Amino acid sequence: MMHHPVDVGDPDRLYTVTGGRSEADESFDLVTLIVSECEPAAGMQSEHARILDLCRHPTALVEIAAELKLPITVVRILLGDLHGNGRIGVRHPRAASSVASLPETALLQEVLHGLRNL
């Protein structure tokens, strides 16, 4: 079985999709949830329209990239466009307020053990 690098794709297509931009908005975490705030508009870039369709319900950035078959960096650029235009809402994952508020390791191990037994 042959393994391919993650960032595969026609470089010309990726260049066109991003308008030649390579700087992605790093504020989008892989598990950031994206929600459409509007319907796709006529004349909109097809990738933008597809994102709006996919995100009618909260969808993680990594799921969007998988559905579009595009590299994460390219999806971050597209999401930055949509967010800048107010077309999507962004729900960042909440960080724990302190280490003490995180679940205990023993509890997590028990949950993992239970899941493996299913």
C-alpha atoms as a PDB file:
ATOM      1  CA  MET A   1       0.000   0.000   0.000  1.00  0.00           C
ATOM      2  CA  MET A   2       1.384   3.387  -1.010  1.00  0.00           C
ATOM      3  CA  HIS A   3       1.118   6.313   1.417  1.00  0.00           C
ATOM      4  CA  HIS A   4       0.502   9.821   0.077  1.00  0.00           C
ATOM      5  CA  PRO A   5       1.316  13.094   1.839  1.00  0.00           C
ATOM      6  CA  VAL A   6      -1.623  14.845   3.512  1.00  0.00           C
ATOM      7  CA  ASP A   7      -1.386  18.039   1.446  1.00  0.00           C
ATOM      8  CA  VAL A   8      -2.077  16.506  -1.938  1.00  0.00           C
ATOM      9  CA  GLY A   9      -3.909  18.262  -4.673  1.00  0.00           C
ATOM     10  CA  ASP A  10      -3.312  20.134  -7.852  1.00  0.00           C
ATOM     11  CA  PRO A  11      -1.216  23.175  -6.874  1.00  0.00           C
ATOM     12  CA  ASP A  12      -2.869  25.263  -9.598  1.00  0.00           C
ATOM     13  CA  ARG A  13      -6.324  24.458  -8.222  1.00  0.00           C
ATOM     14  CA  LEU A  14      -5.275  25.270  -4.636  1.00  0.00           C
ATOM     15  CA  TYR A  15      -3.735  28.543  -5.832  1.00  0.00           C
ATOM     16  CA  THR A  16      -6.978  29.419  -7.609  1.00  0.00           C
ATOM     17  CA  VAL A  17      -9.201  28.434  -4.662  1.00  0.00           C
ATOM     18  CA  THR A  18      -7.274  30.703  -2.278  1.00  0.00           C
ATOM     19  CA  GLY A  19      -6.689  33.517  -4.748  1.00  0.00           C
ATOM     20  CA  GLY A  20      -2.951  32.947  -4.383  1.00  0.00           C
ATOM     21  CA  ARG A  21      -2.988  33.480  -0.627  1.00  0.00           C
ATOM     22  CA  SER A  22      -0.986  31.231   1.658  1.00  0.00           C
ATOM     23  CA  GLU A  23      -1.450  32.906   5.052  1.00  0.00           C
ATOM     24  CA  ALA A  24      -4.221  31.082   6.905  1.00  0.00           C
ATOM     25  CA  ASP A  25      -6.153  32.340   9.906  1.00  0.00           C
ATOM     26  CA  GLU A  26      -4.578  30.295  12.704  1.00  0.00           C
ATOM     27  CA  SER A  27      -7.407  31.167  15.124  1.00  0.00           C
ATOM     28  CA  PHE A  28      -9.398  28.283  13.637  1.00  0.00           C
ATOM     29  CA  ASP A  29      -8.540  25.163  15.643  1.00  0.00           C
ATOM     30  CA  LEU A  30      -9.112  21.749  14.049  1.00  0.00           C
ATOM     31  CA  VAL A  31     -12.158  21.224  16.277  1.00  0.00           C
ATOM     32  CA  THR A  32     -13.548  24.750  15.974  1.00  0.00           C
ATOM     33  CA  LEU A  33     -17.233  24.490  15.111  1.00  0.00           C
ATOM     34  CA  ILE A  34     -18.449  26.479  12.123  1.00  0.00           C
ATOM     35  CA  VAL A  35     -22.104  27.429  11.578  1.00  0.00           C
ATOM     36  CA  SER A  36     -23.591  29.090   8.496  1.00  0.00           C
ATOM     37  CA  GLU A  37     -25.200  32.453   9.143  1.00  0.00           C
ATOM     38  CA  CYS A  38     -26.741  32.711   5.661  1.00  0.00           C
ATOM     39  CA  GLU A  39     -27.509  30.812   2.498  1.00  0.00           C
ATOM     40  CA  PRO A  40     -25.043  30.703  -0.402  1.00  0.00           C
ATOM     41  CA  ALA A  41     -25.435  33.662  -2.759  1.00  0.00           C
ATOM     42  CA  ALA A  42     -25.446  33.652  -6.546  1.00  0.00           C
ATOM     43  CA  GLY A  43     -21.969  34.143  -7.999  1.00  0.00           C
ATOM     44  CA  MET A  44     -20.257  33.006  -4.806  1.00  0.00           C
ATOM     45  CA  GLN A  45     -17.077  30.912  -5.104  1.00  0.00           C
ATOM     46  CA  SER A  46     -18.155  27.261  -5.210  1.00  0.00           C
ATOM     47  CA  GLU A  47     -16.020  26.274  -2.200  1.00  0.00           C
ATOM     48  CA  HIS A  48     -17.534  29.060  -0.111  1.00  0.00           C
ATOM     49  CA  ALA A  49     -21.032  27.961  -1.131  1.00  0.00           C
ATOM     50  CA  ARG A  50     -20.221  24.344  -0.281  1.00  0.00           C
ATOM     51  CA  ILE A  51     -18.952  25.354   3.172  1.00  0.00           C
ATOM     52  CA  LEU A  52     -22.181  27.255   3.844  1.00  0.00           C
ATOM     53  CA  ASP A  53     -24.191  24.188   2.799  1.00  0.00           C
ATOM     54  CA  LEU A  54     -22.094  21.845   4.951  1.00  0.00           C
ATOM     55  CA  CYS A  55     -22.325  24.083   8.001  1.00  0.00           C
ATOM     56  CA  ARG A  56     -26.076  24.411   8.365  1.00  0.00           C
ATOM     57  CA  HIS A  57     -25.431  22.525  11.596  1.00  0.00           C
ATOM     58  CA  PRO A  58     -22.241  23.045  13.636  1.00  0.00           C
ATOM     59  CA  THR A  59     -19.396  21.322  11.795  1.00  0.00           C
ATOM     60  CA  ALA A  60     -15.752  21.010  12.845  1.00  0.00           C
ATOM     61  CA  LEU A  61     -13.073  22.493  10.605  1.00  0.00           C
ATOM     62  CA  VAL A  62     -11.463  19.083  10.158  1.00  0.00           C
ATOM     63  CA  GLU A  63     -14.783  17.643   8.910  1.00  0.00           C
ATOM     64  CA  ILE A  64     -15.141  20.474   6.397  1.00  0.00           C
ATOM     65  CA  ALA A  65     -11.634  19.824   5.078  1.00  0.00           C
ATOM     66  CA  ALA A  66     -12.412  16.119   4.733  1.00  0.00           C
ATOM     67  CA  GLU A  67     -15.691  16.762   2.893  1.00  0.00           C
ATOM     68  CA  LEU A  68     -14.109  19.277   0.517  1.00  0.00           C
ATOM     69  CA  LYS A  69     -10.978  17.123   0.112  1.00  0.00           C
ATOM     70  CA  LEU A  70      -8.853  20.214   0.678  1.00  0.00           C
ATOM     71  CA  PRO A  71      -5.836  20.799   2.939  1.00  0.00           C
ATOM     72  CA  ILE A  72      -6.544  22.325   6.371  1.00  0.00           C
ATOM     73  CA  THR A  73      -4.607  25.498   5.474  1.00  0.00           C
ATOM     74  CA  VAL A  74      -6.776  26.109   2.407  1.00  0.00           C
ATOM     75  CA  VAL A  75      -9.964  25.589   4.429  1.00  0.00           C
ATOM     76  CA  ARG A  76      -8.701  28.023   7.078  1.00  0.00           C
ATOM     77  CA  ILE A  77      -8.203  30.657   4.353  1.00  0.00           C
ATOM     78  CA  LEU A  78     -11.728  30.071   3.016  1.00  0.00           C
ATOM     79  CA  LEU A  79     -13.223  30.201   6.514  1.00  0.00           C
ATOM     80  CA  GLY A  80     -11.362  33.444   7.172  1.00  0.00           C
ATOM     81  CA  ASP A  81     -13.047  34.930   4.083  1.00  0.00           C
ATOM     82  CA  LEU A  82     -16.495  33.807   5.189  1.00  0.00           C
ATOM     83  CA  HIS A  83     -15.969  34.916   8.777  1.00  0.00           C
ATOM     84  CA  GLY A  84     -14.725  38.321   7.653  1.00  0.00           C
ATOM     85  CA  ASN A  85     -17.942  38.770   5.642  1.00  0.00           C
ATOM     86  CA  GLY A  86     -20.147  37.663   8.532  1.00  0.00           C
ATOM     87  CA  ARG A  87     -21.372  34.602   6.629  1.00  0.00           C
ATOM     88  CA  ILE A  88     -20.355  32.080   9.312  1.00  0.00           C
ATOM     89  CA  GLY A  89     -20.400  31.905  13.072  1.00  0.00           C
ATOM     90  CA  VAL A  90     -17.439  30.399  14.890  1.00  0.00           C
ATOM     91  CA  ARG A  91     -17.577  28.421  18.129  1.00  0.00           C
ATOM     92  CA  HIS A  92     -14.121  27.858  19.563  1.00  0.00           C
ATOM     93  CA  PRO A  93     -13.599  24.958  21.965  1.00  0.00           C
ATOM     94  CA  ARG A  94     -13.613  26.007  25.595  1.00  0.00           C
ATOM     95  CA  ALA A  95     -10.361  25.639  27.432  1.00  0.00           C
ATOM     96  CA  ALA A  96     -10.374  24.388  31.000  1.00  0.00           C
ATOM     97  CA  SER A  97     -10.169  27.235  33.511  1.00  0.00           C
ATOM     98  CA  SER A  98      -7.594  25.278  35.503  1.00  0.00           C
ATOM     99  CA  VAL A  99      -5.938  21.896  35.689  1.00  0.00           C
ATOM    100  CA  ALA A 100      -8.090  21.123  38.731  1.00  0.00           C
ATOM    101  CA  SER A 101     -11.250  21.370  36.602  1.00  0.00           C
ATOM    102  CA  LEU A 102     -10.044  18.655  34.209  1.00  0.00           C
ATOM    103  CA  PRO A 103     -11.334  15.109  34.713  1.00  0.00           C
ATOM    104  CA  GLU A 104      -9.097  12.793  36.694  1.00  0.00           C
ATOM    105  CA  THR A 105      -6.861  10.472  34.707  1.00  0.00           C
ATOM    106  CA  ALA A 106      -8.325   7.406  36.444  1.00  0.00           C
ATOM    107  CA  LEU A 107     -11.840   8.382  35.349  1.00  0.00           C
ATOM    108  CA  LEU A 108     -10.722   8.873  31.754  1.00  0.00           C
ATOM    109  CA  GLN A 109      -8.986   5.504  31.783  1.00  0.00           C
ATOM    110  CA  GLU A 110     -12.168   3.828  33.062  1.00  0.00           C
ATOM    111  CA  VAL A 111     -14.202   5.463  30.283  1.00  0.00           C
ATOM    112  CA  LEU A 112     -11.651   4.358  27.687  1.00  0.00           C
ATOM    113  CA  HIS A 113     -11.688   0.816  29.074  1.00  0.00           C
ATOM    114  CA  GLY A 114     -15.494   0.778  28.942  1.00  0.00           C
ATOM    115  CA  LEU A 115     -15.503   1.994  25.322  1.00  0.00           C
ATOM    116  CA  ARG A 116     -13.017  -0.675  24.296  1.00  0.00           C
ATOM    117  CA  ASN A 117     -15.270  -3.338  25.840  1.00  0.00           C
ATOM    118  CA  LEU A 118     -18.233  -2.291  23.707  1.00  0.00           C
END
